[in-house]
Amino acid sequence: MKRKILIIGSTSGIMTSCINELLKRNYQIFASYNNKENLKNFSPKIRKNKNLTFFKLNFLDSDEKITKTLKDLKIEVDIIINAVGGSFGVKDYSFDIKDWVKLLELNILKHIFINNIFIKKMIKKKFGRILFFSTSAVEDKNASIAYSTSKAFLENYVIKSANIFGKYNILTNCIKTSVIAAKNNNWYKASVQKPDFVKDFAKKYLSVERLGTGDDLVKFINLIISDENNFMNGSIVKIDGGLKF
């Protein structure tokens, strides 16, 4: 059976590494993007693959518009990878509640909304794999409070929803990362523009003494969303290079 994957946020650096590997495993992939320019991070060969369909999705759109976009695809989803997230420029404590709402929406609430569209059908099929990404910022006292709070919400959702849906063979898990240098993100840019700074930072804060890449996560992502995973559920798994703090 060819499993169908919905990737929300396919142009994140981690996913640009992951999609190539997933295509080798004969998945049918539906991958969202917000900025069409970022599709250039994929080779023409990948973009033209018959098992890959890119579609535009803006998390700031209304729930109605998002629902219509997904329903127009007419897909039956077996696996959902939720890869949209970030601080989106909100670094300091904000007294504007709109900033808090925005980060909750973009880091977890929209993901829950999209998952809910497909979970009932997963229950009927008695199969589903749902993957989220969190960050070491949840425990970092110096990290953006609005960002880290939204990711803490995400982690709690993973644990609780796994408990609810596990009996239907819907396994929900989360990968917690630290410093990943992947295309489009700030660490990737820093590794090009300030290589000495990045090298010193990695040596000081990561026990492996190097930044992570999307390729460091690909094999584990392949395993956690596959039929080979039958028992891992509700886990928040650290793949962070061994943080020293």
Protein backbone atom coordinates (compact mmCIF):
# COMPACT_ATOMS: atom_id res chain seq x y z
CA MET A 1 0.00 0.00 0.00
CA LYS A 2 1.34 3.44 -0.93
CA ARG A 3 1.01 5.61 2.16
CA LYS A 4 0.02 9.24 1.73
CA ILE A 5 1.89 11.96 3.62
CA LEU A 6 0.77 15.52 4.25
CA ILE A 7 3.74 17.77 5.04
CA ILE A 8 2.78 21.14 6.46
CA GLY A 9 5.75 23.44 5.89
CA SER A 10 7.72 21.56 3.27
CA THR A 11 10.26 24.31 2.59
CA SER A 12 11.69 24.29 6.10
CA GLY A 13 15.29 23.15 6.02
CA ILE A 14 14.60 19.85 7.73
CA MET A 15 11.94 18.94 5.21
CA THR A 16 14.05 19.79 2.17
CA SER A 17 16.38 17.02 3.30
CA CYS A 18 13.56 14.70 4.27
CA ILE A 19 11.39 14.84 1.14
CA ASN A 20 14.09 13.40 -1.09
CA GLU A 21 14.44 10.37 1.20
CA LEU A 22 10.67 9.91 1.53
CA LEU A 23 10.29 9.83 -2.25
CA LYS A 24 12.76 6.96 -2.38
CA ARG A 25 10.37 5.01 -0.15
CA ASN A 26 7.50 5.41 -2.62
CA TYR A 27 5.26 7.62 -0.50
CA GLN A 28 2.67 9.86 -2.13
CA ILE A 29 3.50 13.30 -0.74
CA PHE A 30 1.39 16.44 -0.52
CA ALA A 31 3.63 19.28 0.61
CA SER A 32 2.60 22.81 1.54
CA TYR A 33 4.59 25.98 0.99
CA ASN A 34 3.93 29.63 1.73
CA ASN A 35 6.58 31.33 -0.42
CA LYS A 36 6.90 29.90 -3.92
CA GLU A 37 10.45 31.24 -4.15
CA ASN A 38 11.51 28.68 -1.53
CA LEU A 39 10.61 25.81 -3.86
CA LYS A 40 13.90 26.56 -5.60
CA ASN A 41 15.57 24.75 -2.70
CA PHE A 42 14.38 21.54 -4.35
CA SER A 43 16.00 20.26 -7.51
CA PRO A 44 13.91 20.31 -10.72
CA LYS A 45 13.94 16.50 -10.62
CA ILE A 46 12.28 16.46 -7.20
CA ARG A 47 9.77 19.18 -8.11
CA LYS A 48 8.66 17.15 -11.14
CA ASN A 49 8.37 13.84 -9.27
CA LYS A 50 4.98 12.28 -9.95
CA ASN A 51 4.63 11.27 -6.29
CA LEU A 52 5.03 14.84 -5.03
CA THR A 53 2.39 17.56 -5.13
CA PHE A 54 3.22 21.04 -3.88
CA PHE A 55 0.40 23.36 -2.87
CA LYS A 56 0.25 26.86 -1.38
CA LEU A 57 -0.98 27.20 2.20
CA ASN A 58 -0.80 30.28 4.41
CA PHE A 59 -1.21 29.67 8.15
CA LEU A 60 -2.50 33.20 8.56
CA ASP A 61 -5.48 32.45 6.31
CA SER A 62 -8.90 31.79 7.81
CA ASP A 63 -9.83 28.28 8.94
CA GLU A 64 -12.40 28.19 6.15
CA LYS A 65 -9.83 28.93 3.46
CA ILE A 66 -7.39 26.36 4.86
CA THR A 67 -10.14 23.74 4.96
CA LYS A 68 -11.10 24.46 1.34
CA THR A 69 -7.46 24.24 0.21
CA LEU A 70 -7.02 20.82 1.80
CA LYS A 71 -10.37 19.45 0.64
CA ASP A 72 -9.69 20.54 -2.92
CA LEU A 73 -6.67 18.21 -2.89
CA LYS A 74 -9.06 15.26 -2.39
CA ILE A 75 -6.53 13.22 -0.44
CA GLU A 76 -6.81 10.49 2.16
CA VAL A 77 -3.97 11.18 4.58
CA ASP A 78 -2.16 8.40 6.46
CA ILE A 79 0.69 10.48 7.86
CA ILE A 80 0.96 14.14 8.87
CA ILE A 81 4.28 15.92 9.43
CA ASN A 82 3.81 19.31 11.09
CA ALA A 83 6.89 21.37 10.28
CA VAL A 84 5.75 25.01 10.51
CA GLY A 85 7.08 26.87 13.53
CA GLY A 86 9.33 29.58 14.86
CA SER A 87 9.50 32.78 16.89
CA PHE A 88 8.53 34.91 13.87
CA GLY A 89 10.41 37.93 15.18
CA VAL A 90 8.85 37.93 18.66
CA LYS A 91 11.96 37.70 20.84
CA ASP A 92 11.34 39.82 23.93
CA TYR A 93 8.42 39.76 26.35
CA SER A 94 5.46 41.24 24.51
CA PHE A 95 2.66 43.21 26.14
CA ASP A 96 0.64 42.86 22.94
CA ILE A 97 -1.59 39.79 23.27
CA LYS A 98 -1.69 39.58 19.48
CA ASP A 99 1.94 38.41 19.49
CA TRP A 100 1.11 35.58 21.87
CA VAL A 101 -1.92 34.55 19.84
CA LYS A 102 0.12 34.64 16.63
CA LEU A 103 2.80 32.30 17.98
CA LEU A 104 0.22 29.91 19.41
CA GLU A 105 -1.58 29.89 16.07
CA LEU A 106 1.54 29.30 13.99
CA ASN A 107 3.30 26.82 16.27
CA ILE A 108 0.42 24.60 17.39
CA LEU A 109 -3.22 25.71 16.98
CA LYS A 110 -3.27 25.65 13.17
CA HIS A 111 -1.57 22.26 13.26
CA ILE A 112 -4.27 20.93 15.58
CA PHE A 113 -6.93 22.37 13.30
CA ILE A 114 -5.46 20.62 10.24
CA ASN A 115 -4.92 17.35 12.11
CA ASN A 116 -8.57 17.37 13.17
CA ILE A 117 -9.66 17.40 9.53
CA PHE A 118 -8.04 13.99 9.00
CA ILE A 119 -8.02 12.22 12.39
CA LYS A 120 -11.60 10.90 12.17
CA LYS A 121 -10.76 9.10 8.93
CA MET A 122 -7.56 7.77 10.51
CA ILE A 123 -9.70 6.34 13.31
CA LYS A 124 -11.87 4.49 10.78
CA LYS A 125 -8.81 3.11 8.99
CA LYS A 126 -7.11 2.29 12.30
CA PHE A 127 -3.87 3.81 11.08
CA GLY A 128 -2.23 7.18 11.45
CA ARG A 129 1.18 8.66 12.15
CA ILE A 130 1.46 12.29 13.29
CA LEU A 131 4.79 14.02 13.84
CA PHE A 132 5.57 17.39 15.40
CA PHE A 133 8.79 19.32 16.00
CA SER A 134 9.68 21.09 19.23
CA THR A 135 12.78 22.85 20.48
CA SER A 136 15.22 22.96 23.37
CA ALA A 137 13.97 26.53 23.87
CA VAL A 138 11.20 25.05 26.03
CA GLU A 139 13.75 24.53 28.83
CA ASP A 140 16.02 27.46 27.99
CA LYS A 141 15.36 30.29 30.47
CA ASN A 142 16.81 32.81 28.02
CA ALA A 143 14.67 31.80 25.03
CA SER A 144 11.76 33.84 23.73
CA ILE A 145 8.97 33.35 26.27
CA ALA A 146 6.13 33.46 23.74
CA TYR A 147 7.90 30.99 21.44
CA SER A 148 8.96 28.55 24.13
CA THR A 149 5.51 28.68 25.73
CA SER A 150 3.83 27.78 22.44
CA LYS A 151 6.19 24.83 22.01
CA ALA A 152 5.50 23.67 25.59
CA PHE A 153 1.79 23.70 24.63
CA LEU A 154 2.70 21.59 21.59
CA GLU A 155 4.57 19.01 23.67
CA ASN A 156 1.67 18.65 26.09
CA TYR A 157 -0.72 18.22 23.17
CA VAL A 158 1.46 15.43 21.76
CA ILE A 159 1.44 13.52 25.05
CA LYS A 160 -2.30 13.90 25.69
CA SER A 161 -3.51 13.26 22.12
CA ALA A 162 -1.29 10.18 21.89
CA ASN A 163 -3.06 8.85 24.97
CA ILE A 164 -6.45 9.46 23.37
CA PHE A 165 -5.80 8.11 19.86
CA GLY A 166 -3.21 5.40 20.43
CA LYS A 167 -5.89 2.69 20.70
CA TYR A 168 -6.78 3.41 17.07
CA ASN A 169 -3.18 2.85 15.94
CA ILE A 170 -2.74 6.60 15.52
CA LEU A 171 0.72 7.25 16.91
CA THR A 172 1.65 10.84 17.72
CA ASN A 173 5.24 11.80 18.48
CA CYS A 174 7.55 14.80 18.59
CA ILE A 175 11.20 15.41 17.77
CA LYS A 176 12.89 18.05 19.92
CA THR A 177 15.87 19.69 18.22
CA SER A 178 18.44 22.27 19.18
CA VAL A 179 20.75 24.05 16.75
CA ILE A 180 19.99 22.95 13.19
CA ALA A 181 21.63 24.61 10.19
CA ALA A 182 19.20 24.00 7.37
CA LYS A 183 18.36 25.95 4.25
CA ASN A 184 16.35 29.12 4.88
CA ASN A 185 17.05 29.30 8.61
CA ASN A 186 19.26 31.71 10.53
CA TRP A 187 21.81 29.12 11.61
CA TYR A 188 22.41 28.08 8.02
CA LYS A 189 22.99 31.72 7.06
CA ALA A 190 25.27 32.22 10.06
CA SER A 191 27.32 29.14 9.15
CA VAL A 192 28.00 30.78 5.76
CA GLN A 193 28.46 34.37 6.92
CA LYS A 194 30.12 33.80 10.33
CA PRO A 195 31.70 30.33 10.20
CA ASP A 196 34.15 30.98 13.05
CA PHE A 197 31.39 32.18 15.37
CA VAL A 198 29.25 29.14 14.57
CA LYS A 199 32.18 26.77 15.08
CA ASP A 200 32.96 28.28 18.48
CA PHE A 201 29.29 28.23 19.50
CA ALA A 202 28.93 24.55 18.61
CA LYS A 203 32.11 23.65 20.49
CA LYS A 204 30.91 25.51 23.58
CA TYR A 205 27.29 24.35 23.71
CA LEU A 206 27.01 21.02 21.84
CA SER A 207 28.80 17.88 22.95
CA VAL A 208 29.20 16.73 19.33
CA GLU A 209 30.87 20.10 18.67
CA ARG A 210 29.07 20.80 15.40
CA LEU A 211 25.70 22.12 14.28
CA GLY A 212 23.03 19.68 13.25
CA THR A 213 21.64 19.40 9.73
CA GLY A 214 18.42 18.14 8.24
CA ASP A 215 20.24 14.98 7.23
CA ASP A 216 20.86 14.19 10.91
CA LEU A 217 17.11 13.79 11.41
CA VAL A 218 16.01 12.10 8.19
CA LYS A 219 16.50 8.45 9.12
CA PHE A 220 14.71 8.84 12.42
CA ILE A 221 11.83 10.70 10.77
CA ASN A 222 11.54 7.87 8.24
CA LEU A 223 11.28 5.36 11.07
CA ILE A 224 8.89 7.22 13.34
CA ILE A 225 6.25 7.81 10.64
CA SER A 226 6.48 4.37 9.04
CA ASP A 227 4.60 1.10 9.48
CA GLU A 228 7.76 -0.15 11.17
CA ASN A 229 6.88 1.98 14.18
CA ASN A 230 4.10 0.16 16.01
CA PHE A 231 4.76 1.05 19.64
CA MET A 232 6.38 4.46 19.98
CA ASN A 233 3.63 6.90 20.94
CA GLY A 234 3.46 10.16 22.88
CA SER A 235 7.24 10.52 22.94
CA ILE A 236 9.19 13.78 22.96
CA VAL A 237 12.51 12.61 21.54
CA LYS A 238 15.62 14.76 21.83
CA ILE A 239 17.86 14.84 18.79
CA ASP A 240 19.93 17.82 19.81
CA GLY A 241 23.60 16.95 19.51
CA GLY A 242 23.92 16.66 23.29
CA LEU A 243 23.28 20.12 24.67
CA LYS A 244 25.66 21.15 27.44
CA PHE A 245 23.11 23.33 29.21
